[in-house]
C-alpha cells in the first residue's frame, strides 16, 4: 500500500523547468515553444526580470481577436505584473490564490529570480494525494 507524502509548500509542488519568453517574441513563437514543452504558460522576462506571464488563455484571446500570430508580440497579449508566490508559500494558500482569482499558473520567485511555476494541476495532484 502506498501512502501519499504530505506536501505543504509550493517549493515541493512547483515545476522548476520554467519556459521563458521575451516580450518581443511573437505569440506564434511563444505558442510553438509552449506546445513543444507541453506547458500551459511561459513567464515573460525582460533582461531576467519577470514582467508578465503568457498563458493558454492569453493565446485564446488573441486568436479570438483574429490576431495574426506571426505579427502580434508577447508584450501585447501577456498578463503583466503577475501575482507571484515564494517556494515557502503554503500549498493551500497558493490554491486559494489561484481559485479566488481564476488563475491556473503562479510564478514562483525568490530574490527577484523566477525559479518555478506552480499550476492548478500541481495543486490538484497534491490535494488528492494528501
N, C-alpha and C. Protein backbone atom coordinates (compact mmCIF):
# COMPACT_ATOMS: atom_id res chain seq x y z
N UNK A 1 0.85 -1.18 0.00
CA UNK A 1 0.00 0.00 0.00
C UNK A 1 0.89 1.24 0.00
N UNK A 2 0.57 2.19 -0.87
CA UNK A 2 1.35 3.42 -0.96
C UNK A 2 0.66 4.55 -0.22
N UNK A 3 1.41 5.27 0.59
CA UNK A 3 0.87 6.40 1.32
C UNK A 3 1.36 7.68 0.70
N UNK A 4 0.45 8.63 0.50
CA UNK A 4 0.83 9.92 -0.07
C UNK A 4 1.67 10.69 0.95
N UNK A 5 2.74 11.30 0.44
CA UNK A 5 3.59 12.12 1.29
C UNK A 5 2.92 13.48 1.48
N UNK A 6 2.85 13.93 2.70
CA UNK A 6 2.26 15.24 2.97
C UNK A 6 3.17 16.33 2.38
N UNK A 7 2.62 17.15 1.53
CA UNK A 7 3.35 18.25 0.91
C UNK A 7 2.71 19.53 1.41
N UNK A 8 3.53 20.44 1.82
CA UNK A 8 2.93 21.63 2.41
C UNK A 8 3.37 22.95 1.77
N UNK A 9 4.39 22.93 0.93
CA UNK A 9 4.85 24.20 0.36
C UNK A 9 4.89 24.14 -1.16
N UNK A 10 4.81 25.30 -1.75
CA UNK A 10 4.88 25.44 -3.20
C UNK A 10 6.19 24.87 -3.73
N UNK A 11 7.27 25.03 -2.98
CA UNK A 11 8.57 24.53 -3.42
C UNK A 11 8.58 23.04 -3.69
N UNK A 12 7.70 22.30 -3.02
CA UNK A 12 7.63 20.87 -3.23
C UNK A 12 6.69 20.49 -4.38
N UNK A 13 5.90 21.43 -4.86
CA UNK A 13 4.91 21.17 -5.90
C UNK A 13 5.30 21.72 -7.26
N UNK A 14 6.04 22.79 -7.25
CA UNK A 14 6.27 23.57 -8.47
C UNK A 14 7.09 22.84 -9.52
N UNK A 15 6.94 23.29 -10.73
CA UNK A 15 7.77 22.85 -11.84
C UNK A 15 8.97 23.78 -11.90
N UNK A 16 10.15 23.22 -11.88
CA UNK A 16 11.36 24.05 -11.90
C UNK A 16 11.86 24.32 -13.32
N UNK A 17 11.40 23.53 -14.26
CA UNK A 17 11.79 23.71 -15.66
C UNK A 17 10.85 24.74 -16.29
N UNK A 18 11.18 26.00 -16.10
CA UNK A 18 10.31 27.10 -16.49
C UNK A 18 10.61 27.54 -17.92
N UNK A 19 9.57 27.66 -18.72
CA UNK A 19 9.71 28.22 -20.05
C UNK A 19 9.64 29.73 -19.94
N UNK A 20 10.63 30.41 -20.48
CA UNK A 20 10.59 31.86 -20.50
C UNK A 20 10.62 32.35 -21.94
N UNK A 21 9.94 33.47 -22.17
CA UNK A 21 9.92 34.10 -23.48
C UNK A 21 10.25 35.57 -23.30
N UNK A 22 10.63 36.17 -24.40
CA UNK A 22 10.97 37.59 -24.43
C UNK A 22 9.72 38.39 -24.81
N UNK A 23 9.55 39.58 -24.29
CA UNK A 23 8.36 40.36 -24.65
C UNK A 23 8.28 40.70 -26.13
N UNK A 24 9.41 40.68 -26.83
CA UNK A 24 9.42 41.00 -28.26
C UNK A 24 9.14 39.78 -29.14
N UNK A 25 9.12 38.58 -28.56
CA UNK A 25 8.79 37.38 -29.33
C UNK A 25 7.37 37.50 -29.86
N UNK A 26 7.09 36.83 -30.98
CA UNK A 26 5.71 36.80 -31.46
C UNK A 26 4.94 35.78 -30.62
N UNK A 27 3.62 35.95 -30.60
CA UNK A 27 2.83 34.97 -29.84
C UNK A 27 2.86 33.62 -30.53
N UNK A 28 3.07 33.61 -31.83
CA UNK A 28 3.21 32.34 -32.55
C UNK A 28 4.45 31.59 -32.10
N UNK A 29 5.56 32.30 -31.97
CA UNK A 29 6.80 31.68 -31.49
C UNK A 29 6.61 31.13 -30.08
N UNK A 30 5.99 31.94 -29.23
CA UNK A 30 5.75 31.53 -27.85
C UNK A 30 4.85 30.30 -27.80
N UNK A 31 3.79 30.31 -28.61
CA UNK A 31 2.86 29.18 -28.63
C UNK A 31 3.56 27.90 -29.08
N UNK A 32 4.41 28.01 -30.10
CA UNK A 32 5.16 26.84 -30.57
C UNK A 32 6.03 26.26 -29.46
N UNK A 33 6.70 27.13 -28.72
CA UNK A 33 7.57 26.68 -27.63
C UNK A 33 6.75 26.05 -26.50
N UNK A 34 5.57 26.61 -26.23
CA UNK A 34 4.71 26.05 -25.20
C UNK A 34 4.25 24.65 -25.60
N UNK A 35 3.89 24.47 -26.87
CA UNK A 35 3.47 23.15 -27.35
C UNK A 35 4.63 22.17 -27.28
N UNK A 36 5.81 22.58 -27.75
CA UNK A 36 6.99 21.71 -27.71
C UNK A 36 7.30 21.23 -26.30
N UNK A 37 7.12 22.11 -25.32
CA UNK A 37 7.45 21.79 -23.93
C UNK A 37 6.27 21.17 -23.18
N UNK A 38 5.09 21.22 -23.78
CA UNK A 38 3.90 20.67 -23.13
C UNK A 38 3.50 21.44 -21.90
N UNK A 39 3.60 22.76 -21.97
CA UNK A 39 3.23 23.57 -20.81
C UNK A 39 2.16 24.60 -21.18
N UNK A 40 1.42 25.03 -20.20
CA UNK A 40 0.31 25.95 -20.43
C UNK A 40 0.64 27.40 -20.16
N UNK A 41 1.90 27.68 -19.85
CA UNK A 41 2.27 29.08 -19.60
C UNK A 41 3.75 29.28 -19.85
N UNK A 42 4.10 30.53 -20.06
CA UNK A 42 5.50 30.92 -20.18
C UNK A 42 5.67 32.22 -19.42
N UNK A 43 6.72 32.30 -18.61
CA UNK A 43 7.00 33.56 -17.94
C UNK A 43 7.66 34.50 -18.94
N UNK A 44 7.35 35.77 -18.81
CA UNK A 44 7.92 36.77 -19.72
C UNK A 44 8.99 37.52 -18.95
N UNK A 45 10.22 37.39 -19.43
CA UNK A 45 11.35 38.02 -18.77
C UNK A 45 11.93 39.11 -19.65
N UNK A 46 12.22 40.24 -19.03
CA UNK A 46 12.89 41.35 -19.70
C UNK A 46 14.21 41.57 -18.98
N UNK A 47 15.30 41.18 -19.62
CA UNK A 47 16.62 41.23 -19.01
C UNK A 47 16.64 40.51 -17.67
N UNK A 48 15.98 39.33 -17.64
CA UNK A 48 15.97 38.48 -16.45
C UNK A 48 14.93 38.83 -15.41
N UNK A 49 14.23 39.93 -15.61
CA UNK A 49 13.21 40.38 -14.64
C UNK A 49 11.83 39.96 -15.11
N UNK A 50 11.05 39.35 -14.22
CA UNK A 50 9.70 38.92 -14.53
C UNK A 50 8.81 40.14 -14.75
N UNK A 51 8.24 40.23 -15.95
CA UNK A 51 7.33 41.36 -16.24
C UNK A 51 5.93 40.89 -16.62
N UNK A 52 5.77 39.57 -16.83
CA UNK A 52 4.45 39.07 -17.20
C UNK A 52 4.43 37.57 -17.30
N UNK A 53 3.25 37.07 -17.63
CA UNK A 53 3.07 35.66 -17.89
C UNK A 53 2.15 35.54 -19.10
N UNK A 54 2.49 34.64 -19.99
CA UNK A 54 1.67 34.36 -21.17
C UNK A 54 1.07 32.98 -20.97
N UNK A 55 -0.25 32.90 -21.01
CA UNK A 55 -0.92 31.63 -20.76
C UNK A 55 -1.76 31.21 -21.95
N UNK A 56 -2.25 30.00 -21.88
CA UNK A 56 -3.15 29.49 -22.92
C UNK A 56 -4.34 30.43 -23.09
N UNK A 57 -4.84 30.95 -22.01
CA UNK A 57 -5.98 31.88 -22.09
C UNK A 57 -5.62 33.14 -22.87
N UNK A 58 -4.43 33.66 -22.64
CA UNK A 58 -3.99 34.85 -23.38
C UNK A 58 -3.93 34.55 -24.88
N UNK A 59 -3.43 33.37 -25.22
CA UNK A 59 -3.34 32.97 -26.63
C UNK A 59 -4.73 32.80 -27.24
N UNK A 60 -5.67 32.25 -26.48
CA UNK A 60 -7.04 32.11 -26.97
C UNK A 60 -7.67 33.47 -27.25
N UNK A 61 -7.43 34.43 -26.37
CA UNK A 61 -7.96 35.78 -26.58
C UNK A 61 -7.41 36.38 -27.87
N UNK A 62 -6.13 36.17 -28.12
CA UNK A 62 -5.51 36.70 -29.33
C UNK A 62 -6.13 36.05 -30.57
N UNK A 63 -6.27 34.74 -30.54
CA UNK A 63 -6.86 34.03 -31.68
C UNK A 63 -8.31 34.46 -31.89
N UNK A 64 -9.06 34.59 -30.80
CA UNK A 64 -10.45 35.03 -30.91
C UNK A 64 -10.55 36.44 -31.49
N UNK A 65 -9.51 37.24 -31.24
CA UNK A 65 -9.47 38.60 -31.80
C UNK A 65 -8.94 38.64 -33.22
N UNK A 66 -8.74 37.45 -33.78
CA UNK A 66 -8.26 37.31 -35.17
C UNK A 66 -6.91 38.00 -35.40
N UNK A 67 -6.07 37.91 -34.39
CA UNK A 67 -4.73 38.47 -34.47
C UNK A 67 -3.82 37.53 -35.24
N UNK A 68 -2.98 38.07 -36.08
CA UNK A 68 -2.04 37.23 -36.82
C UNK A 68 -0.88 36.89 -35.89
N UNK A 69 -0.69 35.60 -35.64
CA UNK A 69 0.27 35.17 -34.62
C UNK A 69 1.72 35.44 -34.98
N UNK A 70 1.99 35.69 -36.25
CA UNK A 70 3.38 35.98 -36.63
C UNK A 70 3.70 37.47 -36.52
N UNK A 71 2.71 38.26 -36.19
CA UNK A 71 2.92 39.71 -36.05
C UNK A 71 2.70 40.22 -34.63
N UNK A 72 1.76 39.62 -33.92
CA UNK A 72 1.45 40.07 -32.56
C UNK A 72 2.58 39.69 -31.62
N UNK A 73 2.93 40.59 -30.74
CA UNK A 73 4.03 40.38 -29.80
C UNK A 73 3.52 39.95 -28.43
N UNK A 74 4.35 39.18 -27.75
CA UNK A 74 4.02 38.71 -26.41
C UNK A 74 3.63 39.87 -25.50
N UNK A 75 4.37 40.98 -25.57
CA UNK A 75 4.10 42.11 -24.66
C UNK A 75 2.67 42.63 -24.80
N UNK A 76 2.06 42.43 -25.99
CA UNK A 76 0.70 42.93 -26.23
C UNK A 76 -0.38 42.02 -25.65
N UNK A 77 -0.05 40.75 -25.41
CA UNK A 77 -1.07 39.78 -25.00
C UNK A 77 -0.80 39.13 -23.65
N UNK A 78 0.38 39.34 -23.09
CA UNK A 78 0.70 38.74 -21.79
C UNK A 78 -0.13 39.39 -20.69
N UNK A 79 -0.19 38.70 -19.56
CA UNK A 79 -0.75 39.28 -18.35
C UNK A 79 0.41 39.96 -17.64
N UNK A 80 0.38 41.30 -17.56
CA UNK A 80 1.52 41.99 -16.94
C UNK A 80 1.52 41.88 -15.42
N UNK A 81 2.69 42.03 -14.83
CA UNK A 81 2.85 42.05 -13.37
C UNK A 81 2.04 40.95 -12.68
N UNK A 82 2.34 39.69 -12.99
CA UNK A 82 1.54 38.61 -12.40
C UNK A 82 1.73 38.49 -10.90
N UNK A 83 0.70 37.99 -10.25
CA UNK A 83 0.80 37.64 -8.84
C UNK A 83 1.83 36.52 -8.74
N UNK A 84 2.70 36.60 -7.75
CA UNK A 84 3.73 35.57 -7.57
C UNK A 84 3.65 35.02 -6.15
N UNK A 85 4.31 33.89 -5.96
CA UNK A 85 4.45 33.29 -4.64
C UNK A 85 5.91 32.92 -4.46
N UNK A 86 6.29 32.57 -3.24
CA UNK A 86 7.64 32.08 -2.97
C UNK A 86 7.56 30.57 -2.78
N UNK A 87 8.70 29.92 -2.78
CA UNK A 87 8.69 28.47 -2.59
C UNK A 87 8.26 28.08 -1.18
N UNK A 88 8.27 29.03 -0.25
CA UNK A 88 7.83 28.75 1.12
C UNK A 88 6.34 28.98 1.32
N UNK A 89 5.65 29.46 0.29
CA UNK A 89 4.20 29.68 0.38
C UNK A 89 3.52 28.33 0.60
N UNK A 90 2.58 28.30 1.52
CA UNK A 90 1.83 27.08 1.78
C UNK A 90 1.04 26.68 0.54
N UNK A 91 1.02 25.40 0.25
CA UNK A 91 0.28 24.90 -0.91
C UNK A 91 -1.18 25.33 -0.84
N UNK A 92 -1.76 25.29 0.32
CA UNK A 92 -3.15 25.69 0.49
C UNK A 92 -3.36 27.16 0.15
N UNK A 93 -2.40 28.01 0.53
CA UNK A 93 -2.50 29.44 0.20
C UNK A 93 -2.41 29.66 -1.30
N UNK A 94 -1.52 28.93 -1.95
CA UNK A 94 -1.41 29.04 -3.41
C UNK A 94 -2.70 28.59 -4.07
N UNK A 95 -3.29 27.52 -3.57
CA UNK A 95 -4.56 27.03 -4.11
C UNK A 95 -5.65 28.09 -3.98
N UNK A 96 -5.74 28.70 -2.82
CA UNK A 96 -6.75 29.75 -2.62
C UNK A 96 -6.51 30.94 -3.55
N UNK A 97 -5.25 31.33 -3.71
CA UNK A 97 -4.91 32.44 -4.61
C UNK A 97 -5.38 32.15 -6.04
N UNK A 98 -5.10 30.93 -6.49
CA UNK A 98 -5.49 30.56 -7.86
C UNK A 98 -7.00 30.48 -8.00
N UNK A 99 -7.66 29.83 -7.06
CA UNK A 99 -9.11 29.68 -7.15
C UNK A 99 -9.84 31.01 -7.00
N UNK A 100 -9.40 31.82 -6.05
CA UNK A 100 -10.06 33.12 -5.82
C UNK A 100 -9.92 34.07 -7.00
N UNK A 101 -8.83 33.95 -7.75
CA UNK A 101 -8.57 34.89 -8.84
C UNK A 101 -8.71 34.28 -10.23
N UNK A 102 -9.05 33.01 -10.30
CA UNK A 102 -9.21 32.36 -11.59
C UNK A 102 -7.91 32.12 -12.34
N UNK A 103 -6.81 31.99 -11.59
CA UNK A 103 -5.51 31.72 -12.20
C UNK A 103 -5.31 30.22 -12.33
N UNK A 104 -4.52 29.82 -13.33
CA UNK A 104 -4.12 28.43 -13.46
C UNK A 104 -2.63 28.24 -13.22
N UNK A 105 -1.90 29.37 -13.20
CA UNK A 105 -0.44 29.32 -13.04
C UNK A 105 0.02 30.49 -12.17
N UNK A 106 0.96 30.21 -11.28
CA UNK A 106 1.58 31.24 -10.46
C UNK A 106 3.09 31.11 -10.56
N UNK A 107 3.78 32.17 -10.99
CA UNK A 107 5.24 32.12 -10.97
C UNK A 107 5.75 32.08 -9.53
N UNK A 108 6.83 31.35 -9.34
CA UNK A 108 7.47 31.25 -8.03
C UNK A 108 8.77 32.05 -8.11
N UNK A 109 8.88 33.06 -7.26
CA UNK A 109 10.00 33.99 -7.32
C UNK A 109 10.74 34.01 -5.98
N UNK A 110 12.06 33.97 -6.07
CA UNK A 110 12.93 34.10 -4.90
C UNK A 110 14.05 35.08 -5.23
N UNK A 111 14.26 36.05 -4.38
CA UNK A 111 15.33 37.02 -4.56
C UNK A 111 15.32 37.65 -5.96
N UNK A 112 14.13 37.94 -6.46
CA UNK A 112 13.99 38.60 -7.76
C UNK A 112 14.13 37.69 -8.96
N UNK A 113 14.37 36.39 -8.73
CA UNK A 113 14.53 35.43 -9.83
C UNK A 113 13.35 34.47 -9.88
N UNK A 114 12.88 34.21 -11.09
CA UNK A 114 11.80 33.24 -11.27
C UNK A 114 12.43 31.84 -11.23
N UNK A 115 12.03 31.05 -10.23
CA UNK A 115 12.64 29.74 -10.04
C UNK A 115 11.68 28.58 -10.35
N UNK A 116 10.43 28.90 -10.62
CA UNK A 116 9.47 27.85 -10.91
C UNK A 116 8.11 28.41 -11.24
N UNK A 117 7.21 27.50 -11.52
CA UNK A 117 5.80 27.83 -11.74
C UNK A 117 4.99 26.75 -11.06
N UNK A 118 3.97 27.16 -10.32
CA UNK A 118 3.05 26.19 -9.73
C UNK A 118 1.74 26.32 -10.50
N UNK A 119 1.19 25.18 -10.87
CA UNK A 119 -0.05 25.18 -11.66
C UNK A 119 -1.19 24.62 -10.84
N UNK A 120 -2.39 24.88 -11.31
CA UNK A 120 -3.57 24.33 -10.64
C UNK A 120 -3.51 22.80 -10.67
N UNK A 121 -2.89 22.25 -11.71
CA UNK A 121 -2.73 20.79 -11.80
C UNK A 121 -1.82 20.29 -10.68
N UNK A 122 -0.71 21.01 -10.43
CA UNK A 122 0.18 20.63 -9.32
C UNK A 122 -0.57 20.61 -8.00
N UNK A 123 -1.39 21.64 -7.79
CA UNK A 123 -2.12 21.77 -6.53
C UNK A 123 -3.21 20.70 -6.43
N UNK A 124 -3.88 20.43 -7.55
CA UNK A 124 -4.94 19.38 -7.53
C UNK A 124 -4.33 18.03 -7.21
N UNK A 125 -3.17 17.74 -7.80
CA UNK A 125 -2.50 16.46 -7.52
C UNK A 125 -2.16 16.37 -6.03
N UNK A 126 -1.61 17.47 -5.48
CA UNK A 126 -1.27 17.49 -4.05
C UNK A 126 -2.53 17.27 -3.20
N UNK A 127 -3.61 17.94 -3.57
CA UNK A 127 -4.84 17.85 -2.78
C UNK A 127 -5.42 16.43 -2.78
N UNK A 128 -5.28 15.73 -3.88
CA UNK A 128 -5.84 14.38 -3.95
C UNK A 128 -4.92 13.33 -3.35
N UNK A 129 -3.64 13.64 -3.24
CA UNK A 129 -2.69 12.67 -2.67
C UNK A 129 -2.43 12.88 -1.19
N UNK A 130 -2.82 14.02 -0.68
CA UNK A 130 -2.55 14.32 0.75
C UNK A 130 -3.53 13.66 1.66
